Amino acid sequence: MEQHRFPTYLSRPFQILWLEADDLVFAVIFYLLALMFGRIFIPFIVLGPYIYVSIKKRHPRGFLKHTFYMIGLAKLKGYPIYFEKEFQE
């Protein structure tokens, strides 16, 4: 008989150490920049996620996806384009 572990919190975000998945992306990006360009980016491996988390706390959930939508890097299904002035439902 197989046993499956049921999560304690259903809405708990995926975390590695103290970083959530989107925070970890910023740490990895700055780590790769430090590998490519040298020591100048090493402090940003810690500062990048710290700054992002401080900005993220001031905004509602999902603000990064909406920011990407606003600048044109992502599309939201079922919604009009960002610059649409009038639309009918």
PDB file of N, CA and C in Angstrom:
ATOM      1  N   MET A   1       0.844  -1.182   0.000  1.00  0.00           N
ATOM      2  CA  MET A   1       0.000   0.000   0.000  1.00  0.00           C
ATOM      3  C   MET A   1       0.887   1.242   0.000  1.00  0.00           C
ATOM      4  N   GLU A   2       0.657   2.111  -0.975  1.00  0.00           N
ATOM      5  CA  GLU A   2       1.456   3.332  -1.086  1.00  0.00           C
ATOM      6  C   GLU A   2       0.893   4.415  -0.176  1.00  0.00           C
ATOM      7  N   GLN A   3       1.804   5.143   0.419  1.00  0.00           N
ATOM      8  CA  GLN A   3       1.399   6.284   1.235  1.00  0.00           C
ATOM      9  C   GLN A   3       1.842   7.556   0.531  1.00  0.00           C
ATOM     10  N   HIS A   4       0.929   8.493   0.412  1.00  0.00           N
ATOM     11  CA  HIS A   4       1.232   9.785  -0.192  1.00  0.00           C
ATOM     12  C   HIS A   4       1.196  10.848   0.884  1.00  0.00           C
ATOM     13  N   ARG A   5       2.160  11.701   0.828  1.00  0.00           N
ATOM     14  CA  ARG A   5       2.236  12.781   1.815  1.00  0.00           C
ATOM     15  C   ARG A   5       1.283  13.893   1.406  1.00  0.00           C
ATOM     16  N   PHE A   6       0.402  14.264   2.303  1.00  0.00           N
ATOM     17  CA  PHE A   6      -0.540  15.356   2.050  1.00  0.00           C
ATOM     18  C   PHE A   6       0.069  16.638   2.583  1.00  0.00           C
ATOM     19  N   PRO A   7       0.132  17.712   1.753  1.00  0.00           N
ATOM     20  CA  PRO A   7       0.755  18.949   2.225  1.00  0.00           C
ATOM     21  C   PRO A   7      -0.027  19.609   3.349  1.00  0.00           C
ATOM     22  N   THR A   8       0.691  20.202   4.280  1.00  0.00           N
ATOM     23  CA  THR A   8       0.062  20.878   5.403  1.00  0.00           C
ATOM     24  C   THR A   8      -0.669  22.137   4.953  1.00  0.00           C
ATOM     25  N   TYR A   9      -0.018  22.901   4.086  1.00  0.00           N
ATOM     26  CA  TYR A   9      -0.597  24.143   3.574  1.00  0.00           C
ATOM     27  C   TYR A   9      -0.732  24.018   2.064  1.00  0.00           C
ATOM     28  N   LEU A  10      -1.947  24.118   1.548  1.00  0.00           N
ATOM     29  CA  LEU A  10      -2.174  23.944   0.116  1.00  0.00           C
ATOM     30  C   LEU A  10      -1.661  25.117  -0.706  1.00  0.00           C
ATOM     31  N   SER A  11      -1.680  26.311  -0.151  1.00  0.00           N
ATOM     32  CA  SER A  11      -1.264  27.484  -0.904  1.00  0.00           C
ATOM     33  C   SER A  11       0.178  27.904  -0.597  1.00  0.00           C
ATOM     34  N   ARG A  12       0.928  27.058   0.054  1.00  0.00           N
ATOM     35  CA  ARG A  12       2.303  27.381   0.421  1.00  0.00           C
ATOM     36  C   ARG A  12       3.190  27.403  -0.830  1.00  0.00           C
ATOM     37  N   PRO A  13       3.935  28.488  -1.056  1.00  0.00           N
ATOM     38  CA  PRO A  13       4.780  28.553  -2.256  1.00  0.00           C
ATOM     39  C   PRO A  13       5.999  27.642  -2.142  1.00  0.00           C
ATOM     40  N   PHE A  14       6.503  27.218  -3.293  1.00  0.00           N
ATOM     41  CA  PHE A  14       7.701  26.404  -3.360  1.00  0.00           C
ATOM     42  C   PHE A  14       8.895  27.233  -2.882  1.00  0.00           C
ATOM     43  N   GLN A  15       9.707  26.685  -1.963  1.00  0.00           N
ATOM     44  CA  GLN A  15      10.839  27.428  -1.423  1.00  0.00           C
ATOM     45  C   GLN A  15      12.092  26.573  -1.399  1.00  0.00           C
ATOM     46  N   ILE A  16      13.216  27.236  -1.643  1.00  0.00           N
ATOM     47  CA  ILE A  16      14.534  26.652  -1.435  1.00  0.00           C
ATOM     48  C   ILE A  16      15.232  27.581  -0.452  1.00  0.00           C
ATOM     49  N   LEU A  17      15.620  27.041   0.696  1.00  0.00           N
ATOM     50  CA  LEU A  17      16.118  27.823   1.824  1.00  0.00           C
ATOM     51  C   LEU A  17      15.054  28.840   2.197  1.00  0.00           C
ATOM     52  N   TRP A  18      15.317  30.114   2.114  1.00  0.00           N
ATOM     53  CA  TRP A  18      14.330  31.126   2.460  1.00  0.00           C
ATOM     54  C   TRP A  18      13.798  31.837   1.212  1.00  0.00           C
ATOM     55  N   LEU A  19      14.212  31.395   0.020  1.00  0.00           N
ATOM     56  CA  LEU A  19      13.815  32.048  -1.223  1.00  0.00           C
ATOM     57  C   LEU A  19      12.660  31.308  -1.889  1.00  0.00           C
ATOM     58  N   GLU A  20      11.669  32.068  -2.337  1.00  0.00           N
ATOM     59  CA  GLU A  20      10.612  31.491  -3.150  1.00  0.00           C
ATOM     60  C   GLU A  20      11.140  31.336  -4.577  1.00  0.00           C
ATOM     61  N   ALA A  21      10.366  30.721  -5.431  1.00  0.00           N
ATOM     62  CA  ALA A  21      10.836  30.410  -6.785  1.00  0.00           C
ATOM     63  C   ALA A  21      11.201  31.677  -7.568  1.00  0.00           C
ATOM     64  N   ASP A  22      10.373  32.723  -7.488  1.00  0.00           N
ATOM     65  CA  ASP A  22      10.683  33.936  -8.235  1.00  0.00           C
ATOM     66  C   ASP A  22      11.878  34.684  -7.651  1.00  0.00           C
ATOM     67  N   ASP A  23      12.077  34.609  -6.338  1.00  0.00           N
ATOM     68  CA  ASP A  23      13.254  35.224  -5.718  1.00  0.00           C
ATOM     69  C   ASP A  23      14.522  34.481  -6.154  1.00  0.00           C
ATOM     70  N   LEU A  24      14.409  33.184  -6.234  1.00  0.00           N
ATOM     71  CA  LEU A  24      15.551  32.358  -6.617  1.00  0.00           C
ATOM     72  C   LEU A  24      15.999  32.653  -8.045  1.00  0.00           C
ATOM     73  N   VAL A  25      15.059  33.007  -8.910  1.00  0.00           N
ATOM     74  CA  VAL A  25      15.408  33.357 -10.288  1.00  0.00           C
ATOM     75  C   VAL A  25      16.355  34.553 -10.310  1.00  0.00           C
ATOM     76  N   PHE A  26      16.080  35.554  -9.495  1.00  0.00           N
ATOM     77  CA  PHE A  26      16.955  36.723  -9.450  1.00  0.00           C
ATOM     78  C   PHE A  26      18.339  36.361  -8.917  1.00  0.00           C
ATOM     79  N   ALA A  27      18.409  35.495  -7.912  1.00  0.00           N
ATOM     80  CA  ALA A  27      19.701  35.064  -7.383  1.00  0.00           C
ATOM     81  C   ALA A  27      20.496  34.309  -8.438  1.00  0.00           C
ATOM     82  N   VAL A  28      19.835  33.449  -9.198  1.00  0.00           N
ATOM     83  CA  VAL A  28      20.526  32.676 -10.239  1.00  0.00           C
ATOM     84  C   VAL A  28      20.996  33.585 -11.364  1.00  0.00           C
ATOM     85  N   ILE A  29      20.171  34.554 -11.742  1.00  0.00           N
ATOM     86  CA  ILE A  29      20.574  35.496 -12.796  1.00  0.00           C
ATOM     87  C   ILE A  29      21.824  36.259 -12.382  1.00  0.00           C
ATOM     88  N   PHE A  30      21.859  36.777 -11.165  1.00  0.00           N
ATOM     89  CA  PHE A  30      23.029  37.523 -10.720  1.00  0.00           C
ATOM     90  C   PHE A  30      24.231  36.605 -10.503  1.00  0.00           C
ATOM     91  N   TYR A  31      23.987  35.359 -10.136  1.00  0.00           N
ATOM     92  CA  TYR A  31      25.089  34.399 -10.021  1.00  0.00           C
ATOM     93  C   TYR A  31      25.717  34.144 -11.388  1.00  0.00           C
ATOM     94  N   LEU A  32      24.881  33.984 -12.405  1.00  0.00           N
ATOM     95  CA  LEU A  32      25.401  33.784 -13.763  1.00  0.00           C
ATOM     96  C   LEU A  32      26.137  35.022 -14.265  1.00  0.00           C
ATOM     97  N   LEU A  33      25.618  36.203 -13.952  1.00  0.00           N
ATOM     98  CA  LEU A  33      26.315  37.438 -14.333  1.00  0.00           C
ATOM     99  C   LEU A  33      27.669  37.538 -13.630  1.00  0.00           C
ATOM    100  N   ALA A  34      27.729  37.117 -12.376  1.00  0.00           N
ATOM    101  CA  ALA A  34      29.000  37.137 -11.642  1.00  0.00           C
ATOM    102  C   ALA A  34      29.986  36.149 -12.255  1.00  0.00           C
ATOM    103  N   LEU A  35      29.501  35.012 -12.709  1.00  0.00           N
ATOM    104  CA  LEU A  35      30.393  34.051 -13.367  1.00  0.00           C
ATOM    105  C   LEU A  35      30.929  34.597 -14.688  1.00  0.00           C
ATOM    106  N   MET A  36      30.070  35.317 -15.423  1.00  0.00           N
ATOM    107  CA  MET A  36      30.483  35.818 -16.738  1.00  0.00           C
ATOM    108  C   MET A  36      31.341  37.071 -16.646  1.00  0.00           C
ATOM    109  N   PHE A  37      30.979  38.009 -15.776  1.00  0.00           N
ATOM    110  CA  PHE A  37      31.618  39.314 -15.791  1.00  0.00           C
ATOM    111  C   PHE A  37      32.519  39.595 -14.595  1.00  0.00           C
ATOM    112  N   GLY A  38      32.565  38.727 -13.640  1.00  0.00           N
ATOM    113  CA  GLY A  38      33.505  38.906 -12.543  1.00  0.00           C
ATOM    114  C   GLY A  38      32.895  39.394 -11.253  1.00  0.00           C
ATOM    115  N   ARG A  39      33.768  39.858 -10.403  1.00  0.00           N
ATOM    116  CA  ARG A  39      33.429  40.154  -9.014  1.00  0.00           C
ATOM    117  C   ARG A  39      32.435  41.285  -8.807  1.00  0.00           C
ATOM    118  N   ILE A  40      32.237  42.139  -9.780  1.00  0.00           N
ATOM    119  CA  ILE A  40      31.362  43.289  -9.563  1.00  0.00           C
ATOM    120  C   ILE A  40      29.914  42.865  -9.291  1.00  0.00           C
ATOM    121  N   PHE A  41      29.493  41.694  -9.780  1.00  0.00           N
ATOM    122  CA  PHE A  41      28.118  41.238  -9.598  1.00  0.00           C
ATOM    123  C   PHE A  41      27.939  40.334  -8.378  1.00  0.00           C
ATOM    124  N   ILE A  42      29.002  39.990  -7.692  1.00  0.00           N
ATOM    125  CA  ILE A  42      28.899  39.093  -6.535  1.00  0.00           C
ATOM    126  C   ILE A  42      28.006  39.667  -5.426  1.00  0.00           C
ATOM    127  N   PRO A  43      28.097  40.955  -5.059  1.00  0.00           N
ATOM    128  CA  PRO A  43      27.178  41.470  -4.024  1.00  0.00           C
ATOM    129  C   PRO A  43      25.708  41.410  -4.443  1.00  0.00           C
ATOM    130  N   PHE A  44      25.444  41.452  -5.745  1.00  0.00           N
ATOM    131  CA  PHE A  44      24.064  41.439  -6.218  1.00  0.00           C
ATOM    132  C   PHE A  44      23.420  40.064  -6.094  1.00  0.00           C
ATOM    133  N   ILE A  45      24.218  39.006  -5.872  1.00  0.00           N
ATOM    134  CA  ILE A  45      23.647  37.682  -5.653  1.00  0.00           C
ATOM    135  C   ILE A  45      22.766  37.704  -4.407  1.00  0.00           C
ATOM    136  N   VAL A  46      23.143  38.492  -3.416  1.00  0.00           N
ATOM    137  CA  VAL A  46      22.338  38.640  -2.200  1.00  0.00           C
ATOM    138  C   VAL A  46      21.445  39.871  -2.293  1.00  0.00           C
ATOM    139  N   LEU A  47      21.964  40.974  -2.818  1.00  0.00           N
ATOM    140  CA  LEU A  47      21.196  42.220  -2.873  1.00  0.00           C
ATOM    141  C   LEU A  47      20.032  42.151  -3.857  1.00  0.00           C
ATOM    142  N   GLY A  48      20.193  41.448  -4.969  1.00  0.00           N
ATOM    143  CA  GLY A  48      19.136  41.351  -5.977  1.00  0.00           C
ATOM    144  C   GLY A  48      17.857  40.765  -5.410  1.00  0.00           C
ATOM    145  N   PRO A  49      17.920  39.556  -4.841  1.00  0.00           N
ATOM    146  CA  PRO A  49      16.700  39.004  -4.238  1.00  0.00           C
ATOM    147  C   PRO A  49      16.181  39.831  -3.058  1.00  0.00           C
ATOM    148  N   TYR A  50      17.081  40.431  -2.266  1.00  0.00           N
ATOM    149  CA  TYR A  50      16.650  41.251  -1.137  1.00  0.00           C
ATOM    150  C   TYR A  50      15.834  42.452  -1.619  1.00  0.00           C
ATOM    151  N   ILE A  51      16.310  43.129  -2.649  1.00  0.00           N
ATOM    152  CA  ILE A  51      15.591  44.285  -3.195  1.00  0.00           C
ATOM    153  C   ILE A  51      14.267  43.842  -3.802  1.00  0.00           C
ATOM    154  N   TYR A  52      14.293  42.708  -4.535  1.00  0.00           N
ATOM    155  CA  TYR A  52      13.060  42.207  -5.134  1.00  0.00           C
ATOM    156  C   TYR A  52      12.021  41.847  -4.077  1.00  0.00           C
ATOM    157  N   VAL A  53      12.442  41.199  -3.000  1.00  0.00           N
ATOM    158  CA  VAL A  53      11.508  40.819  -1.933  1.00  0.00           C
ATOM    159  C   VAL A  53      10.926  42.062  -1.276  1.00  0.00           C
ATOM    160  N   SER A  54      11.743  43.102  -1.076  1.00  0.00           N
ATOM    161  CA  SER A  54      11.214  44.327  -0.459  1.00  0.00           C
ATOM    162  C   SER A  54      10.196  45.001  -1.379  1.00  0.00           C
ATOM    163  N   ILE A  55      10.396  44.931  -2.693  1.00  0.00           N
ATOM    164  CA  ILE A  55       9.416  45.488  -3.636  1.00  0.00           C
ATOM    165  C   ILE A  55       8.178  44.601  -3.672  1.00  0.00           C
ATOM    166  N   LYS A  56       8.385  43.284  -3.646  1.00  0.00           N
ATOM    167  CA  LYS A  56       7.276  42.332  -3.730  1.00  0.00           C
ATOM    168  C   LYS A  56       6.332  42.456  -2.536  1.00  0.00           C
ATOM    169  N   LYS A  57       6.854  42.787  -1.371  1.00  0.00           N
ATOM    170  CA  LYS A  57       6.017  42.914  -0.173  1.00  0.00           C
ATOM    171  C   LYS A  57       5.060  44.099  -0.260  1.00  0.00           C
ATOM    172  N   ARG A  58       5.403  45.087  -1.067  1.00  0.00           N
ATOM    173  CA  ARG A  58       4.566  46.277  -1.186  1.00  0.00           C
ATOM    174  C   ARG A  58       3.468  46.140  -2.243  1.00  0.00           C
ATOM    175  N   HIS A  59       3.474  45.056  -3.008  1.00  0.00           N
ATOM    176  CA  HIS A  59       2.516  44.873  -4.091  1.00  0.00           C
ATOM    177  C   HIS A  59       1.691  43.603  -3.859  1.00  0.00           C
ATOM    178  N   PRO A  60       0.525  43.509  -4.543  1.00  0.00           N
ATOM    179  CA  PRO A  60      -0.281  42.297  -4.394  1.00  0.00           C
ATOM    180  C   PRO A  60       0.365  41.095  -5.074  1.00  0.00           C
ATOM    181  N   ARG A  61      -0.161  39.896  -4.766  1.00  0.00           N
ATOM    182  CA  ARG A  61       0.378  38.669  -5.348  1.00  0.00           C
ATOM    183  C   ARG A  61       0.308  38.706  -6.867  1.00  0.00           C
ATOM    184  N   GLY A  62       1.329  38.186  -7.513  1.00  0.00           N
ATOM    185  CA  GLY A  62       1.349  38.094  -8.965  1.00  0.00           C
ATOM    186  C   GLY A  62       1.755  39.370  -9.665  1.00  0.00           C
ATOM    187  N   PHE A  63       2.356  40.313  -8.950  1.00  0.00           N
ATOM    188  CA  PHE A  63       2.676  41.585  -9.594  1.00  0.00           C
ATOM    189  C   PHE A  63       3.769  41.435 -10.652  1.00  0.00           C
ATOM    190  N   LEU A  64       4.662  40.458 -10.511  1.00  0.00           N
ATOM    191  CA  LEU A  64       5.720  40.271 -11.503  1.00  0.00           C
ATOM    192  C   LEU A  64       5.135  39.839 -12.839  1.00  0.00           C
ATOM    193  N   LYS A  65       4.173  38.933 -12.813  1.00  0.00           N
ATOM    194  CA  LYS A  65       3.510  38.494 -14.051  1.00  0.00           C
ATOM    195  C   LYS A  65       2.773  39.665 -14.694  1.00  0.00           C
ATOM    196  N   HIS A  66       2.105  40.476 -13.881  1.00  0.00           N
ATOM    197  CA  HIS A  66       1.396  41.626 -14.418  1.00  0.00           C
ATOM    198  C   HIS A  66       2.361  42.686 -14.938  1.00  0.00           C
ATOM    199  N   THR A  67       3.518  42.808 -14.309  1.00  0.00           N
ATOM    200  CA  THR A  67       4.532  43.742 -14.808  1.00  0.00           C
ATOM    201  C   THR A  67       5.060  43.285 -16.158  1.00  0.00           C
ATOM    202  N   PHE A  68       5.322  41.991 -16.302  1.00  0.00           N
ATOM    203  CA  PHE A  68       5.753  41.460 -17.603  1.00  0.00           C
ATOM    204  C   PHE A  68       4.674  41.670 -18.654  1.00  0.00           C
ATOM    205  N   TYR A  69       3.418  41.528 -18.270  1.00  0.00           N
ATOM    206  CA  TYR A  69       2.301  41.783 -19.187  1.00  0.00           C
ATOM    207  C   TYR A  69       2.275  43.248 -19.595  1.00  0.00           C
ATOM    208  N   MET A  70       2.490  44.148 -18.637  1.00  0.00           N
ATOM    209  CA  MET A  70       2.429  45.571 -18.914  1.00  0.00           C
ATOM    210  C   MET A  70       3.516  46.015 -19.890  1.00  0.00           C
ATOM    211  N   ILE A  71       4.720  45.436 -19.783  1.00  0.00           N
ATOM    212  CA  ILE A  71       5.800  45.840 -20.691  1.00  0.00           C
ATOM    213  C   ILE A  71       5.845  44.991 -21.964  1.00  0.00           C
ATOM    214  N   GLY A  72       4.920  44.021 -22.085  1.00  0.00           N
ATOM    215  CA  GLY A  72       4.801  43.266 -23.325  1.00  0.00           C
ATOM    216  C   GLY A  72       5.586  41.974 -23.392  1.00  0.00           C
ATOM    217  N   LEU A  73       6.099  41.469 -22.280  1.00  0.00           N
ATOM    218  CA  LEU A  73       6.874  40.233 -22.297  1.00  0.00           C
ATOM    219  C   LEU A  73       6.019  38.988 -22.065  1.00  0.00           C
ATOM    220  N   ALA A  74       4.795  39.162 -21.583  1.00  0.00           N
ATOM    221  CA  ALA A  74       3.912  38.024 -21.319  1.00  0.00           C
ATOM    222  C   ALA A  74       2.500  38.381 -21.750  1.00  0.00           C
ATOM    223  N   LYS A  75       1.723  37.346 -22.040  1.00  0.00           N
ATOM    224  CA  LYS A  75       0.325  37.549 -22.402  1.00  0.00           C
ATOM    225  C   LYS A  75      -0.551  36.870 -21.362  1.00  0.00           C
ATOM    226  N   LEU A  76      -1.658  37.522 -21.031  1.00  0.00           N
ATOM    227  CA  LEU A  76      -2.648  36.937 -20.140  1.00  0.00           C
ATOM    228  C   LEU A  76      -3.815  36.464 -20.999  1.00  0.00           C
ATOM    229  N   LYS A  77      -4.146  35.188 -20.904  1.00  0.00           N
ATOM    230  CA  LYS A  77      -5.204  34.615 -21.738  1.00  0.00           C
ATOM    231  C   LYS A  77      -6.563  35.157 -21.320  1.00  0.00           C
ATOM    232  N   GLY A  78      -7.346  35.530 -22.318  1.00  0.00           N
ATOM    233  CA  GLY A  78      -8.701  35.983 -22.054  1.00  0.00           C
ATOM    234  C   GLY A  78      -8.821  37.445 -21.689  1.00  0.00           C
ATOM    235  N   TYR A  79      -7.737  38.199 -21.752  1.00  0.00           N
ATOM    236  CA  TYR A  79      -7.761  39.612 -21.404  1.00  0.00           C
ATOM    237  C   TYR A  79      -7.394  40.456 -22.624  1.00  0.00           C
ATOM    238  N   PRO A  80      -7.903  41.700 -22.704  1.00  0.00           N
ATOM    239  CA  PRO A  80      -7.501  42.563 -23.821  1.00  0.00           C
ATOM    240  C   PRO A  80      -6.052  43.012 -23.660  1.00  0.00           C
ATOM    241  N   ILE A  81      -5.502  43.584 -24.733  1.00  0.00           N
ATOM    242  CA  ILE A  81      -4.131  44.073 -24.645  1.00  0.00           C
ATOM    243  C   ILE A  81      -4.059  45.218 -23.638  1.00  0.00           C
ATOM    244  N   TYR A  82      -2.866  45.496 -23.140  1.00  0.00           N
ATOM    245  CA  TYR A  82      -2.697  46.467 -22.056  1.00  0.00           C
ATOM    246  C   TYR A  82      -3.135  47.872 -22.465  1.00  0.00           C
ATOM    247  N   PHE A  83      -2.894  48.263 -23.710  1.00  0.00           N
ATOM    248  CA  PHE A  83      -3.143  49.633 -24.138  1.00  0.00           C
ATOM    249  C   PHE A  83      -4.537  49.830 -24.716  1.00  0.00           C
ATOM    250  N   GLU A  84      -5.419  48.860 -24.588  1.00  0.00           N
ATOM    251  CA  GLU A  84      -6.783  48.963 -25.086  1.00  0.00           C
ATOM    252  C   GLU A  84      -7.558  49.988 -24.247  1.00  0.00           C
ATOM    253  N   LYS A  85      -8.139  50.977 -24.922  1.00  0.00           N
ATOM    254  CA  LYS A  85      -8.872  52.037 -24.210  1.00  0.00           C
ATOM    255  C   LYS A  85     -10.320  51.614 -23.913  1.00  0.00           C
ATOM    256  N   GLU A  86     -10.988  51.009 -24.903  1.00  0.00           N
ATOM    257  CA  GLU A  86     -12.386  50.616 -24.729  1.00  0.00           C
ATOM    258  C   GLU A  86     -12.560  49.183 -25.206  1.00  0.00           C
ATOM    259  N   PHE A  87     -13.412  48.444 -24.522  1.00  0.00           N
ATOM    260  CA  PHE A  87     -13.746  47.088 -24.959  1.00  0.00           C
ATOM    261  C   PHE A  87     -15.114  46.719 -24.416  1.00  0.00           C
ATOM    262  N   GLN A  88     -15.751  45.775 -25.092  1.00  0.00           N
ATOM    263  CA  GLN A  88     -17.063  45.316 -24.670  1.00  0.00           C
ATOM    264  C   GLN A  88     -16.941  43.914 -24.117  1.00  0.00           C
ATOM    265  N   GLU A  89     -17.662  43.680 -23.029  1.00  0.00           N
ATOM    266  CA  GLU A  89     -17.629  42.355 -22.414  1.00  0.00           C
ATOM    267  C   GLU A  89     -18.646  41.436 -23.037  1.00  0.00           C
TER     268      GLU A  89
END
